[in-house]
Protein backbone atom coordinates (compact mmCIF):
# COMPACT_ATOMS: atom_id res chain seq x y z
CA UNK A 1 -16.95 -16.26 -3.71
CA UNK A 2 -18.94 -18.80 -5.79
CA UNK A 3 -18.22 -18.79 -9.49
CA UNK A 4 -21.77 -17.80 -10.38
CA UNK A 5 -21.84 -14.83 -7.97
CA UNK A 6 -20.84 -12.34 -10.64
CA UNK A 7 -23.67 -13.51 -12.89
CA UNK A 8 -26.18 -12.82 -10.15
CA UNK A 9 -24.93 -9.26 -9.74
CA UNK A 10 -26.62 -8.31 -13.01
CA UNK A 11 -29.94 -9.16 -11.42
CA UNK A 12 -31.57 -5.91 -10.15
CA UNK A 13 -33.06 -7.88 -7.25
CA UNK A 14 -29.56 -8.30 -5.81
CA UNK A 15 -28.63 -5.16 -3.88
CA UNK A 16 -25.18 -3.67 -4.16
CA UNK A 17 -24.03 -1.07 -1.65
CA UNK A 18 -22.88 2.39 -2.65
CA UNK A 19 -21.51 4.89 -0.13
CA UNK A 20 -22.80 8.44 -0.62
CA UNK A 21 -21.00 11.49 0.76
CA UNK A 22 -22.44 14.96 0.27
CA UNK A 23 -25.75 16.79 0.05
CA UNK A 24 -28.68 14.37 0.18
CA UNK A 25 -30.83 16.75 -1.89
CA UNK A 26 -28.66 16.09 -4.94
CA UNK A 27 -29.39 12.37 -5.02
CA UNK A 28 -32.76 12.29 -3.24
CA UNK A 29 -34.93 12.28 -6.38
CA UNK A 30 -32.96 9.39 -7.88
CA UNK A 31 -32.89 7.02 -4.91
CA UNK A 32 -36.05 5.20 -5.98
CA UNK A 33 -34.70 4.37 -9.45
CA UNK A 34 -31.30 3.40 -8.04
CA UNK A 35 -33.02 1.02 -5.59
CA UNK A 36 -34.99 -0.53 -8.46
CA UNK A 37 -31.67 -1.03 -10.26
CA UNK A 38 -30.34 -2.96 -7.27
CA UNK A 39 -28.43 -0.26 -5.37
CA UNK A 40 -28.55 0.19 -1.61
CA UNK A 41 -27.40 3.68 -0.62
CA UNK A 42 -25.41 4.16 2.58
CA UNK A 43 -25.11 7.77 3.72
CA UNK A 44 -21.93 8.94 5.44
CA UNK A 45 -22.70 11.78 7.88
CA UNK A 46 -19.57 13.72 6.91
CA UNK A 47 -16.39 13.63 4.85
CA UNK A 48 -14.35 12.92 7.96
CA UNK A 49 -16.44 9.85 8.81
CA UNK A 50 -16.61 8.50 5.24
CA UNK A 51 -13.51 6.22 5.47
CA UNK A 52 -14.90 4.64 8.65
CA UNK A 53 -18.28 4.06 6.98
CA UNK A 54 -16.52 2.62 3.93
CA UNK A 55 -14.74 0.12 6.14
CA UNK A 56 -17.87 -0.93 8.04
CA UNK A 57 -20.28 -1.05 5.12
CA UNK A 58 -18.19 -3.16 2.75
CA UNK A 59 -19.19 -0.89 -0.15
CA UNK A 60 -16.95 -1.13 -3.20
CA UNK A 61 -18.13 2.08 -4.86
CA UNK A 62 -18.73 5.58 -3.55
CA UNK A 63 -20.36 8.78 -4.77
CA UNK A 64 -19.44 12.34 -3.79
CA UNK A 65 -22.06 15.01 -4.49
CA UNK A 66 -21.89 18.73 -3.68
CA UNK A 67 -23.06 22.00 -5.15
CA UNK A 68 -20.34 24.01 -6.88
CA UNK A 69 -19.75 26.27 -3.86
CA UNK A 70 -19.66 23.36 -1.44
CA UNK A 71 -17.33 21.39 -3.71
CA UNK A 72 -14.90 24.30 -3.75
CA UNK A 73 -15.20 24.86 -0.01
CA UNK A 74 -14.70 21.16 0.79
CA UNK A 75 -12.12 20.33 -1.91
CA UNK A 76 -9.28 19.77 0.55
CA UNK A 77 -11.38 17.54 2.81
CA UNK A 78 -12.56 15.59 -0.24
CA UNK A 79 -8.91 14.96 -1.12
CA UNK A 80 -8.16 13.75 2.40
CA UNK A 81 -11.19 11.46 2.38
CA UNK A 82 -10.18 9.94 -0.97
CA UNK A 83 -6.62 9.46 0.25
CA UNK A 84 -7.90 7.40 3.18
CA UNK A 85 -10.19 5.18 1.09
CA UNK A 86 -8.37 4.74 -2.21
CA UNK A 87 -9.54 1.14 -2.72
CA UNK A 88 -13.12 2.25 -3.40
CA UNK A 89 -14.07 3.31 -6.91
CA UNK A 90 -15.34 6.86 -6.49
CA UNK A 91 -17.80 8.70 -8.75
CA UNK A 92 -18.02 12.51 -8.58
CA UNK A 93 -21.31 14.32 -9.14
CA UNK A 94 -20.17 17.69 -10.36
CA UNK A 95 -22.00 20.93 -11.20
CA UNK A 96 -22.41 22.02 -14.85
CA UNK A 97 -19.24 23.47 -16.41
CA UNK A 98 -17.19 22.39 -13.38
CA UNK A 99 -15.11 20.06 -15.56
CA UNK A 100 -13.80 23.13 -17.38
CA UNK A 101 -12.18 24.47 -14.20
CA UNK A 102 -8.51 23.40 -13.69
CA UNK A 103 -8.99 22.64 -9.98
CA UNK A 104 -11.91 20.30 -10.68
CA UNK A 105 -10.14 18.65 -13.59
CA UNK A 106 -7.04 17.95 -11.50
CA UNK A 107 -9.02 16.53 -8.58
CA UNK A 108 -11.32 14.38 -10.71
CA UNK A 109 -8.57 13.17 -13.03
CA UNK A 110 -6.26 12.13 -10.21
CA UNK A 111 -8.59 10.53 -7.68
CA UNK A 112 -11.98 9.61 -9.15
CA UNK A 113 -12.90 6.58 -11.21
CA UNK A 114 -15.47 8.59 -13.17
CA UNK A 115 -17.74 11.63 -12.92
CA UNK A 116 -21.34 12.51 -13.72
CA UNK A 117 -22.47 16.05 -14.55
CA UNK A 118 -25.58 17.36 -12.80
CA UNK A 119 -28.55 17.36 -13.10
CA UNK A 120 -28.59 13.72 -12.17
CA UNK A 121 -29.70 11.04 -14.63
CA UNK A 122 -30.38 8.07 -12.34
CA UNK A 123 -30.24 5.40 -15.03
CA UNK A 124 -26.97 6.73 -16.43
CA UNK A 125 -25.52 6.93 -12.93
CA UNK A 126 -26.59 3.31 -12.31
CA UNK A 127 -24.66 2.24 -15.42
CA UNK A 128 -21.58 4.18 -14.26
CA UNK A 129 -21.86 2.61 -10.81
CA UNK A 130 -22.16 -0.81 -12.41
CA UNK A 131 -18.94 -0.32 -14.34
CA UNK A 132 -17.17 0.89 -11.19
CA UNK A 133 -18.54 -2.01 -9.16
CA UNK A 134 -17.38 -4.51 -11.76
CA UNK A 135 -13.88 -3.04 -11.76
CA UNK A 136 -13.81 -3.10 -7.96
CA UNK A 137 -14.80 -6.78 -8.02
CA UNK A 138 -12.02 -7.63 -10.45
CA UNK A 139 -9.59 -5.65 -8.32
CA UNK A 140 -10.66 -7.68 -5.30
CA UNK A 141 -10.24 -10.97 -7.16
CA UNK A 142 -6.86 -9.97 -8.59
CA UNK A 143 -5.43 -8.53 -5.39
CA UNK A 144 -7.06 -10.73 -2.78
CA UNK A 145 -7.66 -14.07 -4.47
CA UNK A 146 -11.35 -13.67 -3.65
CA UNK A 147 -10.88 -12.53 -0.05
CA UNK A 148 -12.91 -9.39 0.59
CA UNK A 149 -10.59 -7.26 2.68
CA UNK A 150 -10.27 -4.12 0.59
CA UNK A 151 -10.98 -1.68 3.37
CA UNK A 152 -8.55 -2.99 5.97
CA UNK A 153 -5.56 -2.77 3.68
CA UNK A 154 -2.14 -2.00 5.21
CA UNK A 155 -1.46 0.43 2.36
CA UNK A 156 -3.88 2.79 4.12
CA UNK A 157 -0.87 4.79 5.28
CA UNK A 158 0.30 5.14 1.68
CA UNK A 159 -1.24 8.12 -0.05
CA UNK A 160 -1.87 7.89 -3.77
CA UNK A 161 -4.62 7.07 -6.23
CA UNK A 162 -2.63 7.42 -9.46
CA UNK A 163 -2.13 4.55 -11.89
CA UNK A 164 1.48 4.26 -10.74
CA UNK A 165 0.46 3.80 -7.10
CA UNK A 166 -2.31 1.38 -8.00
CA UNK A 167 0.37 -0.76 -9.67
CA UNK A 168 2.45 -0.57 -6.49
CA UNK A 169 -0.54 -1.76 -4.42
CA UNK A 170 -0.97 -4.67 -6.83
CA UNK A 171 2.72 -5.58 -6.65
CA UNK A 172 2.61 -5.47 -2.85
CA UNK A 173 -0.20 -8.01 -2.83
CA UNK A 174 1.56 -10.26 -5.30
CA UNK A 175 4.88 -10.44 -3.46
CA UNK A 176 3.30 -10.60 0.01
CA UNK A 177 2.06 -14.13 -0.61
CA UNK A 178 5.51 -15.65 -1.16
CA UNK A 179 8.53 -16.02 1.08
CA UNK A 180 11.21 -14.82 -1.34
CA UNK A 181 13.33 -11.74 -0.57
CA UNK A 182 12.16 -8.45 -2.07
CA UNK A 183 14.35 -5.53 -3.11
CA UNK A 184 12.54 -2.18 -2.97
CA UNK A 185 14.24 0.51 -5.02
CA UNK A 186 13.49 4.18 -5.49
CA UNK A 187 14.60 7.66 -4.59
CA UNK A 188 14.62 8.91 -1.00
CA UNK A 189 11.15 9.82 0.22
CA UNK A 190 9.20 7.55 -2.14
CA UNK A 191 7.81 5.35 0.65
CA UNK A 192 10.07 2.30 0.61
CA UNK A 193 9.64 1.50 4.31
CA UNK A 194 5.85 1.91 4.11
CA UNK A 195 5.91 -0.55 1.21
CA UNK A 196 7.93 -3.01 3.28
CA UNK A 197 5.48 -2.68 6.17
CA UNK A 198 2.55 -3.28 3.80
CA UNK A 199 4.21 -6.44 2.45
CA UNK A 200 4.71 -7.69 6.00
CA UNK A 201 1.13 -6.94 7.04
CA UNK A 202 -0.24 -8.85 4.05
CA UNK A 203 2.06 -11.83 4.50
CA UNK A 204 1.63 -14.99 6.55
CA UNK A 205 4.15 -13.47 8.98
CA UNK A 206 1.93 -10.54 9.92
CA UNK A 207 1.56 -11.81 13.49
CA UNK A 208 5.36 -11.82 13.85
CA UNK A 209 7.67 -8.83 14.39
CA UNK A 210 8.62 -6.29 11.74
CA UNK A 211 12.20 -5.21 12.46
CA UNK A 212 13.58 -2.27 10.46
CA UNK A 213 17.31 -1.54 10.31
CA UNK A 214 18.77 1.54 8.62
CA UNK A 215 22.12 0.21 7.47
CA UNK A 216 23.35 3.72 6.66
CA UNK A 217 22.61 5.12 10.12
CA UNK A 218 24.49 2.59 12.25
CA UNK A 219 28.15 3.26 13.21
CA UNK A 220 30.45 0.94 11.26
CA UNK A 221 31.93 -0.58 14.42
CA UNK A 222 28.50 -1.49 15.78
CA UNK A 223 26.72 -2.83 12.71
CA UNK A 224 27.77 -6.45 13.17
CA UNK A 225 26.71 -6.47 16.82
CA UNK A 226 23.42 -4.74 15.98
CA UNK A 227 22.57 -7.20 13.23
CA UNK A 228 23.88 -10.46 14.67
CA UNK A 229 24.02 -9.76 18.40
CA UNK A 230 26.90 -10.60 20.72
CA UNK A 231 27.81 -12.82 23.63
CA UNK A 232 28.73 -11.51 27.06
CA UNK A 233 32.41 -10.56 27.21
CA UNK A 234 32.92 -10.76 23.46
CA UNK A 235 34.40 -7.25 23.44
CA UNK A 236 34.99 -4.34 25.81
CA UNK A 237 31.64 -3.10 27.07
CA UNK A 238 29.76 -6.33 26.26
CA UNK A 239 28.50 -6.83 29.82
CA UNK A 240 25.65 -9.10 28.83
CA UNK A 241 24.38 -11.15 25.91
CA UNK A 242 22.55 -9.13 23.28
CA UNK A 243 20.07 -10.46 20.73
CA UNK A 244 20.67 -8.87 17.33
CA UNK A 245 18.10 -7.40 14.96
CA UNK A 246 18.11 -10.48 12.71
CA UNK A 247 17.38 -12.85 15.58
CA UNK A 248 14.75 -10.44 16.95
CA UNK A 249 12.86 -10.77 13.66
CA UNK A 250 12.36 -14.53 14.08
CA UNK A 251 9.04 -15.65 12.57
CA UNK A 252 8.62 -12.16 11.16
CA UNK A 253 10.19 -9.79 8.68
CA UNK A 254 13.58 -8.08 8.66
CA UNK A 255 13.71 -4.85 6.67
CA UNK A 256 17.21 -3.71 5.71
CA UNK A 257 16.92 -0.09 4.62
CA UNK A 258 19.73 1.55 2.63
CA UNK A 259 21.33 -1.85 2.06
CA UNK A 260 23.76 -0.22 -0.38
CA UNK A 261 25.52 1.45 2.56
CA UNK A 262 26.40 -1.86 4.22
CA UNK A 263 30.21 -2.35 4.50
CA UNK A 264 31.73 -5.13 2.38
CA UNK A 265 32.70 -7.34 5.32
CA UNK A 266 29.14 -7.24 6.66
CA UNK A 267 27.84 -8.04 3.18
CA UNK A 268 29.72 -11.33 3.38
CA UNK A 269 28.14 -12.18 6.73
CA UNK A 270 24.70 -11.23 5.47
CA UNK A 271 25.17 -13.41 2.39
CA UNK A 272 26.02 -16.40 4.58
CA UNK A 273 22.87 -15.79 6.64
CA UNK A 274 20.73 -15.66 3.49
CA UNK A 275 22.28 -18.88 2.19
CA UNK A 276 22.36 -20.91 5.40
CA UNK A 277 19.50 -19.34 7.38
CA UNK A 278 21.79 -19.34 10.41
CA UNK A 279 23.75 -16.68 12.27
CA UNK A 280 26.53 -16.55 14.84
CA UNK A 281 26.54 -13.87 17.49
CA UNK A 282 29.74 -11.86 17.83
CA UNK A 283 31.99 -13.83 20.16
CA UNK A 284 29.87 -16.96 19.79
CA UNK A 285 30.56 -20.28 18.09
CA UNK A 286 27.09 -21.73 17.91
CA UNK A 287 25.07 -21.57 14.69
CA UNK A 288 21.60 -20.24 15.46
CA UNK A 289 18.79 -21.05 13.05
CA UNK A 290 16.68 -18.01 12.23
CA UNK A 291 13.35 -18.11 10.42
CA UNK A 292 13.14 -14.63 8.91
CA UNK A 293 11.92 -13.10 5.67
CA UNK A 294 14.25 -10.40 4.37
CA UNK A 295 13.14 -7.23 2.62
CA UNK A 296 15.76 -4.70 1.53
CA UNK A 297 15.65 -1.19 0.14
CA UNK A 298 18.07 1.20 -1.47
CA UNK A 299 18.09 4.56 -3.21
CA UNK A 300 21.36 3.89 -5.01
CA UNK A 301 21.93 1.91 -8.19
CA UNK A 302 23.26 -1.40 -6.88
CA UNK A 303 24.29 -2.59 -10.33
CA UNK A 304 26.55 0.47 -10.64
CA UNK A 305 27.82 -0.19 -7.10
CA UNK A 306 28.74 -3.74 -8.14
CA UNK A 307 30.78 -2.41 -11.07
CA UNK A 308 32.52 0.00 -8.69
CA UNK A 309 33.36 -2.84 -6.29
CA UNK A 310 31.18 -1.41 -3.51
CA UNK A 311 28.55 -4.16 -3.46
CA UNK A 312 28.74 -7.92 -3.80
CA UNK A 313 27.11 -9.30 -6.92
CA UNK A 314 26.13 -12.58 -5.25
CA UNK A 315 24.43 -10.68 -2.41
CA UNK A 316 22.57 -8.54 -4.95
CA UNK A 317 21.10 -11.61 -6.62
CA UNK A 318 20.14 -13.07 -3.25
CA UNK A 319 18.25 -9.90 -2.30
CA UNK A 320 16.82 -9.12 -5.73
CA UNK A 321 14.65 -12.22 -6.15
CA UNK A 322 11.58 -9.98 -6.42
CA UNK A 323 11.70 -6.23 -6.96
CA UNK A 324 9.38 -3.27 -6.47
CA UNK A 325 10.44 0.06 -7.94
CA UNK A 326 8.84 3.03 -6.20
CA UNK A 327 7.90 5.90 -8.54
CA UNK A 328 9.07 9.43 -7.70
CA UNK A 329 6.40 12.06 -7.12
CA UNK A 330 7.26 13.83 -10.38
CA UNK A 331 5.98 10.74 -12.22
CA UNK A 332 2.64 10.77 -10.39
CA UNK A 333 1.74 14.45 -10.21
CA UNK A 334 -1.93 13.56 -9.87
CA UNK A 335 -1.23 12.48 -6.27
CA UNK A 336 0.14 15.89 -5.25
CA UNK A 337 -3.28 17.25 -4.13
CA UNK A 338 -3.80 14.15 -1.96
CA UNK A 339 -0.35 14.44 -0.40
CA UNK A 340 -0.74 18.17 0.15
């Protein structure tokens, strides 16, 4: 985007798109003023189709407008729609006194950028939209480096509009652009694998494979073969050569989930791979160069595991070049309605 593009946006003659979802009667009388202020209104036919219209239109801001009864009746579908299009800045048009109701307060506080109480004041709404649009622009510049791809984001499978999750989205974009290993920490169920997938999809390796390995779910006697592969005849039952998970991830991303459960002897082999960028299949003697980015995740405290002698310190520092800490749901209660 040219450097002077933002200056032009203050010119009412330059139209900015806003996606409207709801009853047209609520906004109908204000459309003329909004157009004079430089806003082009795109109407989504329904809540279910809103995310698709958001993606196609390129709008950075959205407005939801319903009568009090309709807002109550459609509350759950509004939550689902917001969860599928979290990168837009949403403004709620709410009935008088609605902000005093706990259900409205929870929904608006957790998922909307701002709200406007009816009856509609078009000029005030235009100012609110302008603020939201400006924030969306800065978000795009910060997250994308100027590339406008907010709607096709791989975090679309991650539900959450809270400040904590917005920080996670930002961290994903920051680490995706580099090749260094990333350690993703957090309790079970916080979305560590989804985060790893989002990093992969935003990286230069997105056209390559994403190979996920749950280190805690593999039998101890098979882990080395699963990770590194084996040659034919290397052990009983090895009737043919097998390509391991690491080699399968060539030119892509290897995600090692529950890395804290990896046995100590395999930790040594993994450390050598991270240092040398080569592997040897079980039963083989040839060093095989592997071009793979490694992401790892754990729900345990690896620093405590190091003190207990259950995890190698040198491997920890190799994996923990960059770190993303996933917040538990109790720290982002505002996302509960979206998840529900």
